[in-house]
């Protein structure tokens, strides 16, 4: 495994640091549906995506889920090494949405690299800032956009990720992504179907009019 393909700061490490990483990094496989990280009490190490798709989400006290973002090939998951994020109490979960392969960097080793290398520390801070920017953008969407707009945007995102206009996804799964409940999502999807935007199928949804769905996704309360 050529780590230089996955770690942007690789060339700025010393030969000794590169050797430590080569010896410590382990490849791990996760099946679809596996929970990889379960809140701030879990600290399994930094995860680097080789292939597959992971979902990072949070959960309310009532058990309502909300997807924060997805991780795809070459993305790096910081929250699986939550103990590195000093002073930040932010419980998130990570699960595999597809069969996935990741590289795991032990927490202690990565912490030492951050202490020794300005390049690693700077990269980590930039990545952390990007992730929190993603989360703040999502919070703005949740607070200021109607559910129909958010649902439309989600369907378009799923279409892009899967490369198909026929989505294999349940109403319950959509509700978990959007921080809603299944009954509300079902009512909204039936409205979409009545408007001939989608066709509902058993265990799936077919997008019929992506242009109108995109227009709806752009609409907001403001």
C-alpha atoms as a PDB file:
ATOM      1  CA  UNK A   1       0.000   0.000   0.000  1.00  0.00           C
ATOM      2  CA  UNK A   2       1.480   3.338  -1.102  1.00  0.00           C
ATOM      3  CA  UNK A   3       0.591   5.647   1.785  1.00  0.00           C
ATOM      4  CA  UNK A   4       1.687   8.710  -0.185  1.00  0.00           C
ATOM      5  CA  UNK A   5      -1.510   8.303  -2.242  1.00  0.00           C
ATOM      6  CA  UNK A   6      -3.688   8.669   0.851  1.00  0.00           C
ATOM      7  CA  UNK A   7      -1.837  11.034   3.194  1.00  0.00           C
ATOM      8  CA  UNK A   8      -1.364  14.588   1.814  1.00  0.00           C
ATOM      9  CA  UNK A   9       1.423  15.321   4.305  1.00  0.00           C
ATOM     10  CA  UNK A  10       3.421  12.156   3.511  1.00  0.00           C
ATOM     11  CA  UNK A  11       6.268  13.846   1.641  1.00  0.00           C
ATOM     12  CA  UNK A  12       6.798  16.303   4.501  1.00  0.00           C
ATOM     13  CA  UNK A  13       7.491  13.526   7.005  1.00  0.00           C
ATOM     14  CA  UNK A  14      11.005  12.408   7.868  1.00  0.00           C
ATOM     15  CA  UNK A  15      12.122   8.953   6.654  1.00  0.00           C
ATOM     16  CA  UNK A  16      11.890   7.715  10.252  1.00  0.00           C
ATOM     17  CA  UNK A  17       8.304   8.976  10.599  1.00  0.00           C
ATOM     18  CA  UNK A  18       7.363   7.394   7.278  1.00  0.00           C
ATOM     19  CA  UNK A  19       8.798   4.073   8.426  1.00  0.00           C
ATOM     20  CA  UNK A  20       6.838   4.244  11.695  1.00  0.00           C
ATOM     21  CA  UNK A  21       3.629   4.784   9.765  1.00  0.00           C
ATOM     22  CA  UNK A  22       4.332   1.946   7.338  1.00  0.00           C
ATOM     23  CA  UNK A  23       4.848  -0.447  10.234  1.00  0.00           C
ATOM     24  CA  UNK A  24       1.839   0.718  12.252  1.00  0.00           C
ATOM     25  CA  UNK A  25      -0.914   1.209   9.675  1.00  0.00           C
ATOM     26  CA  UNK A  26      -3.350  -1.681   9.374  1.00  0.00           C
ATOM     27  CA  UNK A  27      -5.957  -2.348   6.724  1.00  0.00           C
ATOM     28  CA  UNK A  28      -9.448  -3.120   7.998  1.00  0.00           C
ATOM     29  CA  UNK A  29     -12.610  -4.217   6.251  1.00  0.00           C
ATOM     30  CA  UNK A  30     -16.141  -3.347   7.360  1.00  0.00           C
ATOM     31  CA  UNK A  31     -19.331  -4.876   6.027  1.00  0.00           C
ATOM     32  CA  UNK A  32     -22.289  -2.738   5.020  1.00  0.00           C
ATOM     33  CA  UNK A  33     -24.213  -1.685   8.136  1.00  0.00           C
ATOM     34  CA  UNK A  34     -21.298  -2.121  10.547  1.00  0.00           C
ATOM     35  CA  UNK A  35     -20.987   0.535  13.268  1.00  0.00           C
ATOM     36  CA  UNK A  36     -17.341   1.622  13.213  1.00  0.00           C
ATOM     37  CA  UNK A  37     -17.362   4.398  15.792  1.00  0.00           C
ATOM     38  CA  UNK A  38     -19.909   4.855  18.564  1.00  0.00           C
ATOM     39  CA  UNK A  39     -19.526   8.278  20.173  1.00  0.00           C
ATOM     40  CA  UNK A  40     -16.759  10.143  21.953  1.00  0.00           C
ATOM     41  CA  UNK A  41     -16.042   7.214  24.282  1.00  0.00           C
ATOM     42  CA  UNK A  42     -14.749   5.280  21.265  1.00  0.00           C
ATOM     43  CA  UNK A  43     -11.270   6.093  19.970  1.00  0.00           C
ATOM     44  CA  UNK A  44     -10.187   3.458  17.470  1.00  0.00           C
ATOM     45  CA  UNK A  45      -7.743   5.645  15.557  1.00  0.00           C
ATOM     46  CA  UNK A  46      -7.619   7.759  12.428  1.00  0.00           C
ATOM     47  CA  UNK A  47      -9.348   6.091   9.472  1.00  0.00           C
ATOM     48  CA  UNK A  48      -8.324   6.672   5.860  1.00  0.00           C
ATOM     49  CA  UNK A  49     -10.793   5.527   3.215  1.00  0.00           C
ATOM     50  CA  UNK A  50      -9.454   3.096   0.613  1.00  0.00           C
ATOM     51  CA  UNK A  51     -12.823   2.214  -0.913  1.00  0.00           C
ATOM     52  CA  UNK A  52     -16.490   2.098   0.006  1.00  0.00           C
ATOM     53  CA  UNK A  53     -18.651   4.676   1.744  1.00  0.00           C
ATOM     54  CA  UNK A  54     -19.033   5.659   5.400  1.00  0.00           C
ATOM     55  CA  UNK A  55     -21.754   7.747   7.000  1.00  0.00           C
ATOM     56  CA  UNK A  56     -21.016  10.126   9.877  1.00  0.00           C
ATOM     57  CA  UNK A  57     -24.107  10.993  11.890  1.00  0.00           C
ATOM     58  CA  UNK A  58     -25.354  12.242  15.241  1.00  0.00           C
ATOM     59  CA  UNK A  59     -28.293  11.079  17.335  1.00  0.00           C
ATOM     60  CA  UNK A  60     -30.693  12.973  19.589  1.00  0.00           C
ATOM     61  CA  UNK A  61     -31.737  11.828  23.065  1.00  0.00           C
ATOM     62  CA  UNK A  62     -34.949  10.553  21.473  1.00  0.00           C
ATOM     63  CA  UNK A  63     -32.968   8.372  19.067  1.00  0.00           C
ATOM     64  CA  UNK A  64     -33.517  10.554  15.984  1.00  0.00           C
ATOM     65  CA  UNK A  65     -30.557  10.379  13.584  1.00  0.00           C
ATOM     66  CA  UNK A  66     -29.127  13.141  11.377  1.00  0.00           C
ATOM     67  CA  UNK A  67     -26.460  12.531   8.735  1.00  0.00           C
ATOM     68  CA  UNK A  68     -23.608  15.048   8.984  1.00  0.00           C
ATOM     69  CA  UNK A  69     -21.589  13.981   5.945  1.00  0.00           C
ATOM     70  CA  UNK A  70     -20.306  10.984   3.982  1.00  0.00           C
ATOM     71  CA  UNK A  71     -16.749   9.713   3.600  1.00  0.00           C
ATOM     72  CA  UNK A  72     -15.611   8.373   0.234  1.00  0.00           C
ATOM     73  CA  UNK A  73     -12.332   7.116  -1.242  1.00  0.00           C
ATOM     74  CA  UNK A  74      -9.242   8.959   0.127  1.00  0.00           C
ATOM     75  CA  UNK A  75     -11.279  10.852   2.726  1.00  0.00           C
ATOM     76  CA  UNK A  76      -9.991  10.841   6.301  1.00  0.00           C
ATOM     77  CA  UNK A  77     -12.188  10.302   9.365  1.00  0.00           C
ATOM     78  CA  UNK A  78     -11.034  12.386  12.327  1.00  0.00           C
ATOM     79  CA  UNK A  79     -13.955  11.639  14.631  1.00  0.00           C
ATOM     80  CA  UNK A  80     -12.934   7.982  14.950  1.00  0.00           C
ATOM     81  CA  UNK A  81      -9.942   9.403  16.847  1.00  0.00           C
ATOM     82  CA  UNK A  82     -12.115  11.621  19.051  1.00  0.00           C
ATOM     83  CA  UNK A  83      -9.609  11.635  21.912  1.00  0.00           C
ATOM     84  CA  UNK A  84      -7.280  13.704  19.698  1.00  0.00           C
ATOM     85  CA  UNK A  85      -9.779  16.564  19.595  1.00  0.00           C
ATOM     86  CA  UNK A  86      -9.007  18.284  22.874  1.00  0.00           C
ATOM     87  CA  UNK A  87     -11.813  20.302  24.419  1.00  0.00           C
ATOM     88  CA  UNK A  88     -14.345  19.181  21.827  1.00  0.00           C
ATOM     89  CA  UNK A  89     -17.325  17.233  23.140  1.00  0.00           C
ATOM     90  CA  UNK A  90     -19.207  16.223  20.030  1.00  0.00           C
ATOM     91  CA  UNK A  91     -20.691  12.738  19.926  1.00  0.00           C
ATOM     92  CA  UNK A  92     -20.921  11.315  16.431  1.00  0.00           C
ATOM     93  CA  UNK A  93     -21.321   7.801  15.093  1.00  0.00           C
ATOM     94  CA  UNK A  94     -19.732   6.295  12.001  1.00  0.00           C
ATOM     95  CA  UNK A  95     -21.227   3.387  10.075  1.00  0.00           C
ATOM     96  CA  UNK A  96     -20.461   1.665   6.783  1.00  0.00           C
ATOM     97  CA  UNK A  97     -23.081   2.434   4.116  1.00  0.00           C
ATOM     98  CA  UNK A  98     -21.281   0.084   1.744  1.00  0.00           C
ATOM     99  CA  UNK A  99     -18.721  -2.680   2.209  1.00  0.00           C
ATOM    100  CA  UNK A 100     -15.639  -0.589   2.949  1.00  0.00           C
ATOM    101  CA  UNK A 101     -11.878  -0.883   3.329  1.00  0.00           C
ATOM    102  CA  UNK A 102      -9.986   1.603   5.492  1.00  0.00           C
ATOM    103  CA  UNK A 103      -6.463   2.176   6.758  1.00  0.00           C
ATOM    104  CA  UNK A 104      -6.280   2.595  10.527  1.00  0.00           C
ATOM    105  CA  UNK A 105      -3.582   4.808  12.057  1.00  0.00           C
ATOM    106  CA  UNK A 106      -3.173   4.251  15.822  1.00  0.00           C
ATOM    107  CA  UNK A 107      -4.160   7.261  17.932  1.00  0.00           C
ATOM    108  CA  UNK A 108      -0.915   7.475  19.900  1.00  0.00           C
ATOM    109  CA  UNK A 109       1.217   7.419  16.759  1.00  0.00           C
ATOM    110  CA  UNK A 110      -0.851  10.123  15.058  1.00  0.00           C
ATOM    111  CA  UNK A 111      -0.756  12.256  18.199  1.00  0.00           C
ATOM    112  CA  UNK A 112       3.047  12.019  18.233  1.00  0.00           C
ATOM    113  CA  UNK A 113       3.178  12.990  14.556  1.00  0.00           C
ATOM    114  CA  UNK A 114       1.024  16.043  15.269  1.00  0.00           C
ATOM    115  CA  UNK A 115       3.393  17.056  18.075  1.00  0.00           C
ATOM    116  CA  UNK A 116       6.509  16.538  15.947  1.00  0.00           C
ATOM    117  CA  UNK A 117       5.376  17.703  12.502  1.00  0.00           C
ATOM    118  CA  UNK A 118       3.911  21.121  11.707  1.00  0.00           C
ATOM    119  CA  UNK A 119       2.660  19.704   8.401  1.00  0.00           C
ATOM    120  CA  UNK A 120       0.594  17.023  10.152  1.00  0.00           C
ATOM    121  CA  UNK A 121      -0.728  19.472  12.766  1.00  0.00           C
ATOM    122  CA  UNK A 122      -1.694  22.035  10.113  1.00  0.00           C
ATOM    123  CA  UNK A 123      -3.393  19.413   7.955  1.00  0.00           C
ATOM    124  CA  UNK A 124      -5.359  18.098  10.944  1.00  0.00           C
ATOM    125  CA  UNK A 125      -6.494  21.592  11.946  1.00  0.00           C
ATOM    126  CA  UNK A 126      -7.563  22.385   8.378  1.00  0.00           C
ATOM    127  CA  UNK A 127      -9.489  19.117   8.122  1.00  0.00           C
ATOM    128  CA  UNK A 128     -11.172  19.751  11.465  1.00  0.00           C
ATOM    129  CA  UNK A 129     -12.181  23.261  10.354  1.00  0.00           C
ATOM    130  CA  UNK A 130     -13.605  21.868   7.109  1.00  0.00           C
ATOM    131  CA  UNK A 131     -15.654  19.240   8.920  1.00  0.00           C
ATOM    132  CA  UNK A 132     -17.096  21.721  11.387  1.00  0.00           C
ATOM    133  CA  UNK A 133     -17.895  24.055   8.501  1.00  0.00           C
ATOM    134  CA  UNK A 134     -19.815  21.162   6.904  1.00  0.00           C
ATOM    135  CA  UNK A 135     -21.713  20.623  10.146  1.00  0.00           C
ATOM    136  CA  UNK A 136     -22.554  24.322  10.545  1.00  0.00           C
ATOM    137  CA  UNK A 137     -23.824  24.427   6.950  1.00  0.00           C
ATOM    138  CA  UNK A 138     -26.018  21.424   7.695  1.00  0.00           C
ATOM    139  CA  UNK A 139     -27.400  23.045  10.850  1.00  0.00           C
ATOM    140  CA  UNK A 140     -28.335  26.091   8.773  1.00  0.00           C
ATOM    141  CA  UNK A 141     -30.146  23.799   6.323  1.00  0.00           C
ATOM    142  CA  UNK A 142     -32.042  22.073   9.134  1.00  0.00           C
ATOM    143  CA  UNK A 143     -33.063  25.363  10.766  1.00  0.00           C
ATOM    144  CA  UNK A 144     -33.805  27.455   7.691  1.00  0.00           C
ATOM    145  CA  UNK A 145     -34.918  25.149   4.879  1.00  0.00           C
ATOM    146  CA  UNK A 146     -38.217  23.346   4.566  1.00  0.00           C
ATOM    147  CA  UNK A 147     -38.216  19.555   4.591  1.00  0.00           C
ATOM    148  CA  UNK A 148     -39.341  19.330   0.965  1.00  0.00           C
ATOM    149  CA  UNK A 149     -36.244  21.277  -0.127  1.00  0.00           C
ATOM    150  CA  UNK A 150     -33.927  19.153   2.021  1.00  0.00           C
ATOM    151  CA  UNK A 151     -35.550  15.926   0.814  1.00  0.00           C
ATOM    152  CA  UNK A 152     -35.164  17.008  -2.809  1.00  0.00           C
ATOM    153  CA  UNK A 153     -31.485  17.844  -2.241  1.00  0.00           C
ATOM    154  CA  UNK A 154     -30.949  14.490  -0.530  1.00  0.00           C
ATOM    155  CA  UNK A 155     -32.489  12.551  -3.425  1.00  0.00           C
ATOM    156  CA  UNK A 156     -30.224  14.347  -5.898  1.00  0.00           C
ATOM    157  CA  UNK A 157     -27.169  13.615  -3.734  1.00  0.00           C
ATOM    158  CA  UNK A 158     -28.097   9.926  -3.531  1.00  0.00           C
ATOM    159  CA  UNK A 159     -28.588   9.849  -7.292  1.00  0.00           C
ATOM    160  CA  UNK A 160     -25.097  11.283  -7.816  1.00  0.00           C
ATOM    161  CA  UNK A 161     -23.478   8.887  -5.328  1.00  0.00           C
ATOM    162  CA  UNK A 162     -25.142   5.785  -6.751  1.00  0.00           C
ATOM    163  CA  UNK A 163     -24.899   6.804 -10.403  1.00  0.00           C
ATOM    164  CA  UNK A 164     -28.524   5.800 -10.901  1.00  0.00           C
ATOM    165  CA  UNK A 165     -31.939   7.460 -10.905  1.00  0.00           C
ATOM    166  CA  UNK A 166     -33.383   4.369  -9.218  1.00  0.00           C
ATOM    167  CA  UNK A 167     -32.478   4.510  -5.530  1.00  0.00           C
ATOM    168  CA  UNK A 168     -32.552   1.447  -3.280  1.00  0.00           C
ATOM    169  CA  UNK A 169     -33.410   3.149  -0.004  1.00  0.00           C
ATOM    170  CA  UNK A 170     -36.245   2.971   2.528  1.00  0.00           C
ATOM    171  CA  UNK A 171     -38.290   5.818   3.973  1.00  0.00           C
ATOM    172  CA  UNK A 172     -36.825   5.002   7.389  1.00  0.00           C
ATOM    173  CA  UNK A 173     -33.274   5.394   6.064  1.00  0.00           C
ATOM    174  CA  UNK A 174     -34.128   8.752   4.495  1.00  0.00           C
ATOM    175  CA  UNK A 175     -35.639   9.932   7.782  1.00  0.00           C
ATOM    176  CA  UNK A 176     -32.435   8.954   9.586  1.00  0.00           C
ATOM    177  CA  UNK A 177     -30.370  10.989   7.141  1.00  0.00           C
ATOM    178  CA  UNK A 178     -32.566  14.067   7.459  1.00  0.00           C
ATOM    179  CA  UNK A 179     -33.212  14.006  11.197  1.00  0.00           C
ATOM    180  CA  UNK A 180     -36.926  13.431  10.624  1.00  0.00           C
ATOM    181  CA  UNK A 181     -39.375  10.559  11.192  1.00  0.00           C
ATOM    182  CA  UNK A 182     -40.541   7.941   8.704  1.00  0.00           C
ATOM    183  CA  UNK A 183     -44.190   9.050   8.664  1.00  0.00           C
ATOM    184  CA  UNK A 184     -43.289  12.621   7.702  1.00  0.00           C
ATOM    185  CA  UNK A 185     -40.901  11.459   4.971  1.00  0.00           C
ATOM    186  CA  UNK A 186     -43.536   9.077   3.587  1.00  0.00           C
ATOM    187  CA  UNK A 187     -46.107  11.890   3.360  1.00  0.00           C
ATOM    188  CA  UNK A 188     -43.607  14.127   1.590  1.00  0.00           C
ATOM    189  CA  UNK A 189     -42.603  11.387  -0.864  1.00  0.00           C
ATOM    190  CA  UNK A 190     -46.252  10.729  -1.674  1.00  0.00           C
ATOM    191  CA  UNK A 191     -46.599  14.440  -2.417  1.00  0.00           C
ATOM    192  CA  UNK A 192     -43.545  14.201  -4.692  1.00  0.00           C
ATOM    193  CA  UNK A 193     -45.167  11.234  -6.434  1.00  0.00           C
ATOM    194  CA  UNK A 194     -48.446  13.109  -6.922  1.00  0.00           C
ATOM    195  CA  UNK A 195     -46.415  15.912  -8.515  1.00  0.00           C
ATOM    196  CA  UNK A 196     -44.802  13.303 -10.813  1.00  0.00           C
ATOM    197  CA  UNK A 197     -41.338  14.056  -9.445  1.00  0.00           C
ATOM    198  CA  UNK A 198     -40.694  10.498  -8.291  1.00  0.00           C
ATOM    199  CA  UNK A 199     -42.161   7.019  -8.512  1.00  0.00           C
ATOM    200  CA  UNK A 200     -42.328   5.064  -5.260  1.00  0.00           C
ATOM    201  CA  UNK A 201     -41.427   1.382  -5.374  1.00  0.00           C
ATOM    202  CA  UNK A 202     -41.068  -1.334  -2.775  1.00  0.00           C
ATOM    203  CA  UNK A 203     -37.752  -0.613  -1.062  1.00  0.00           C
ATOM    204  CA  UNK A 204     -36.845   2.143  -3.491  1.00  0.00           C
ATOM    205  CA  UNK A 205     -37.552   5.404  -5.308  1.00  0.00           C
ATOM    206  CA  UNK A 206     -37.196   6.342  -8.971  1.00  0.00           C
ATOM    207  CA  UNK A 207     -36.459   9.975  -9.846  1.00  0.00           C
ATOM    208  CA  UNK A 208     -38.649  11.070 -12.760  1.00  0.00           C
ATOM    209  CA  UNK A 209     -37.906  14.796 -13.115  1.00  0.00           C
ATOM    210  CA  UNK A 210     -34.456  15.771 -11.834  1.00  0.00           C
ATOM    211  CA  UNK A 211     -34.772  19.326 -13.171  1.00  0.00           C
ATOM    212  CA  UNK A 212     -37.868  20.081 -11.100  1.00  0.00           C
ATOM    213  CA  UNK A 213     -36.387  18.279  -8.098  1.00  0.00           C
ATOM    214  CA  UNK A 214     -33.281  20.466  -8.382  1.00  0.00           C
ATOM    215  CA  UNK A 215     -35.484  23.571  -8.504  1.00  0.00           C
ATOM    216  CA  UNK A 216     -37.263  22.423  -5.352  1.00  0.00           C
ATOM    217  CA  UNK A 217     -33.920  21.715  -3.651  1.00  0.00           C
ATOM    218  CA  UNK A 218     -32.875  25.321  -4.258  1.00  0.00           C
ATOM    219  CA  UNK A 219     -36.018  26.720  -2.629  1.00  0.00           C
ATOM    220  CA  UNK A 220     -35.859  27.885   1.006  1.00  0.00           C
ATOM    221  CA  UNK A 221     -37.847  29.747   3.610  1.00  0.00           C
ATOM    222  CA  UNK A 222     -35.839  32.902   2.936  1.00  0.00           C
END
